[in-house]
Amino acid sequence: MREAFRLAEEEKPGAAHLELPEDIAAKQTDERPLTRSHTRRPVPEDKAVAAAVERIA
C-alpha cells in the first residue's frame, strides 16, 4: 500500500491501481488505516534558477 501511494505521488503524480485477490479483498479487519507519509519534492535553489534564466535569455 505504501509503495503504491509513494509511486502515485512521486515524479508524475497520478492514479495508482491496486488489485487484491478476492479472498483477501473480502476479509474484514480491525486495523486502522495507514497514516499518510508526506513526500518532499526537491526544489532548486534560487541561484540555480537565476543562472538558468540568464543562460536562456
N, C-alpha and C. Protein backbone atom coordinates (compact mmCIF):
# COMPACT_ATOMS: atom_id res chain seq x y z
N MET A 1 0.82 -1.18 0.00
CA MET A 1 0.00 0.00 0.00
C MET A 1 0.87 1.25 0.00
N ARG A 2 1.82 1.27 0.93
CA ARG A 2 2.68 2.47 1.00
C ARG A 2 3.40 2.69 -0.32
N GLU A 3 3.88 1.61 -0.93
CA GLU A 3 4.60 1.73 -2.19
C GLU A 3 3.70 2.27 -3.29
N ALA A 4 2.45 1.84 -3.33
CA ALA A 4 1.52 2.33 -4.35
C ALA A 4 1.27 3.82 -4.17
N PHE A 5 1.08 4.27 -2.94
CA PHE A 5 0.87 5.69 -2.69
C PHE A 5 2.13 6.49 -3.01
N ARG A 6 3.28 5.94 -2.65
CA ARG A 6 4.53 6.65 -2.93
C ARG A 6 4.70 6.82 -4.44
N LEU A 7 4.48 5.76 -5.20
CA LEU A 7 4.62 5.85 -6.64
C LEU A 7 3.60 6.80 -7.26
N ALA A 8 2.40 6.83 -6.70
CA ALA A 8 1.35 7.70 -7.23
C ALA A 8 1.67 9.18 -6.99
N GLU A 9 2.43 9.49 -5.96
CA GLU A 9 2.70 10.89 -5.61
C GLU A 9 4.05 11.40 -6.11
N GLU A 10 4.97 10.50 -6.46
CA GLU A 10 6.29 10.94 -6.88
C GLU A 10 6.34 11.20 -8.38
N GLU A 11 7.34 11.93 -8.76
CA GLU A 11 7.65 12.24 -10.15
C GLU A 11 6.42 12.67 -10.95
N LYS A 12 5.68 11.74 -11.52
CA LYS A 12 4.49 12.07 -12.29
C LYS A 12 3.28 11.69 -11.44
N PRO A 13 2.76 12.62 -10.62
CA PRO A 13 1.62 12.27 -9.77
C PRO A 13 0.43 11.78 -10.59
N GLY A 14 -0.26 10.81 -10.06
CA GLY A 14 -1.41 10.28 -10.77
C GLY A 14 -2.02 9.11 -10.04
N ALA A 15 -2.91 8.44 -10.71
CA ALA A 15 -3.64 7.33 -10.11
C ALA A 15 -2.76 6.09 -9.97
N ALA A 16 -3.08 5.30 -8.98
CA ALA A 16 -2.43 4.00 -8.79
C ALA A 16 -3.54 2.97 -8.66
N HIS A 17 -3.33 1.82 -9.26
CA HIS A 17 -4.33 0.76 -9.21
C HIS A 17 -3.82 -0.38 -8.35
N LEU A 18 -4.61 -0.76 -7.35
CA LEU A 18 -4.25 -1.90 -6.51
C LEU A 18 -5.26 -3.01 -6.79
N GLU A 19 -4.75 -4.18 -7.06
CA GLU A 19 -5.63 -5.32 -7.29
C GLU A 19 -5.31 -6.38 -6.25
N LEU A 20 -6.34 -6.77 -5.51
CA LEU A 20 -6.18 -7.77 -4.47
C LEU A 20 -6.94 -9.03 -4.85
N PRO A 21 -6.45 -10.20 -4.46
CA PRO A 21 -7.21 -11.42 -4.69
C PRO A 21 -8.56 -11.33 -3.98
N GLU A 22 -9.59 -11.95 -4.54
CA GLU A 22 -10.94 -11.84 -3.98
C GLU A 22 -11.00 -12.28 -2.52
N ASP A 23 -10.30 -13.36 -2.17
CA ASP A 23 -10.37 -13.84 -0.79
C ASP A 23 -9.75 -12.84 0.19
N ILE A 24 -8.75 -12.12 -0.24
CA ILE A 24 -8.13 -11.10 0.61
C ILE A 24 -9.01 -9.86 0.67
N ALA A 25 -9.53 -9.43 -0.45
CA ALA A 25 -10.36 -8.23 -0.51
C ALA A 25 -11.63 -8.38 0.30
N ALA A 26 -12.14 -9.59 0.45
CA ALA A 26 -13.40 -9.81 1.16
C ALA A 26 -13.22 -9.88 2.68
N LYS A 27 -11.99 -10.00 3.16
CA LYS A 27 -11.75 -10.14 4.60
C LYS A 27 -12.01 -8.84 5.34
N GLN A 28 -12.50 -8.97 6.56
CA GLN A 28 -12.72 -7.84 7.45
C GLN A 28 -11.48 -7.67 8.32
N THR A 29 -11.23 -6.46 8.76
CA THR A 29 -10.08 -6.20 9.62
C THR A 29 -10.44 -5.15 10.67
N ASP A 30 -9.76 -5.21 11.78
CA ASP A 30 -9.91 -4.21 12.84
C ASP A 30 -8.76 -3.21 12.81
N GLU A 31 -7.88 -3.36 11.85
CA GLU A 31 -6.72 -2.48 11.75
C GLU A 31 -7.14 -1.07 11.35
N ARG A 32 -6.36 -0.10 11.79
CA ARG A 32 -6.60 1.29 11.42
C ARG A 32 -5.89 1.57 10.10
N PRO A 33 -6.40 2.51 9.31
CA PRO A 33 -5.72 2.86 8.05
C PRO A 33 -4.31 3.40 8.32
N LEU A 34 -3.43 3.21 7.37
CA LEU A 34 -2.07 3.71 7.50
C LEU A 34 -2.08 5.23 7.51
N THR A 35 -1.20 5.82 8.29
CA THR A 35 -1.09 7.27 8.29
C THR A 35 -0.35 7.70 7.04
N ARG A 36 -0.70 8.84 6.53
CA ARG A 36 -0.09 9.33 5.30
C ARG A 36 1.32 9.82 5.58
N SER A 37 2.25 9.41 4.76
CA SER A 37 3.61 9.94 4.85
C SER A 37 3.76 10.98 3.74
N HIS A 38 4.38 12.09 4.08
CA HIS A 38 4.50 13.18 3.12
C HIS A 38 5.77 13.04 2.29
N THR A 39 5.60 13.20 0.99
CA THR A 39 6.73 13.14 0.08
C THR A 39 7.23 14.56 -0.16
N ARG A 40 8.51 14.75 -0.02
CA ARG A 40 9.09 16.07 -0.24
C ARG A 40 9.72 16.09 -1.62
N ARG A 41 9.26 17.00 -2.43
CA ARG A 41 9.84 17.14 -3.77
C ARG A 41 11.01 18.11 -3.73
N PRO A 42 12.07 17.81 -4.45
CA PRO A 42 13.22 18.70 -4.45
C PRO A 42 12.89 20.05 -5.09
N VAL A 43 13.44 21.09 -4.54
CA VAL A 43 13.22 22.45 -5.05
C VAL A 43 14.58 23.04 -5.39
N PRO A 44 14.73 23.60 -6.60
CA PRO A 44 16.03 24.17 -6.95
C PRO A 44 16.31 25.46 -6.16
N GLU A 45 17.57 25.73 -5.98
CA GLU A 45 17.96 26.97 -5.30
C GLU A 45 17.67 28.15 -6.21
N ASP A 46 17.32 29.28 -5.62
CA ASP A 46 17.03 30.50 -6.39
C ASP A 46 18.22 30.86 -7.28
N LYS A 47 19.43 30.67 -6.78
CA LYS A 47 20.64 30.99 -7.52
C LYS A 47 20.72 30.16 -8.81
N ALA A 48 20.36 28.88 -8.72
CA ALA A 48 20.41 28.00 -9.89
C ALA A 48 19.34 28.38 -10.90
N VAL A 49 18.16 28.78 -10.42
CA VAL A 49 17.08 29.21 -11.33
C VAL A 49 17.50 30.48 -12.03
N ALA A 50 18.07 31.42 -11.29
CA ALA A 50 18.51 32.68 -11.90
C ALA A 50 19.57 32.42 -12.97
N ALA A 51 20.49 31.52 -12.70
CA ALA A 51 21.54 31.21 -13.68
C ALA A 51 20.93 30.59 -14.94
N ALA A 52 19.94 29.72 -14.77
CA ALA A 52 19.28 29.10 -15.93
C ALA A 52 18.53 30.13 -16.74
N VAL A 53 17.84 31.04 -16.08
CA VAL A 53 17.10 32.10 -16.78
C VAL A 53 18.06 32.97 -17.56
N GLU A 54 19.19 33.29 -16.96
CA GLU A 54 20.20 34.12 -17.61
C GLU A 54 20.73 33.43 -18.87
N ARG A 55 21.00 32.15 -18.79
CA ARG A 55 21.52 31.42 -19.96
C ARG A 55 20.48 31.31 -21.06
N ILE A 56 19.23 31.12 -20.69
CA ILE A 56 18.16 31.02 -21.69
C ILE A 56 17.97 32.36 -22.39
N ALA A 57 18.03 33.43 -21.61
CA ALA A 57 17.84 34.77 -22.18
C ALA A 57 18.99 35.09 -23.10
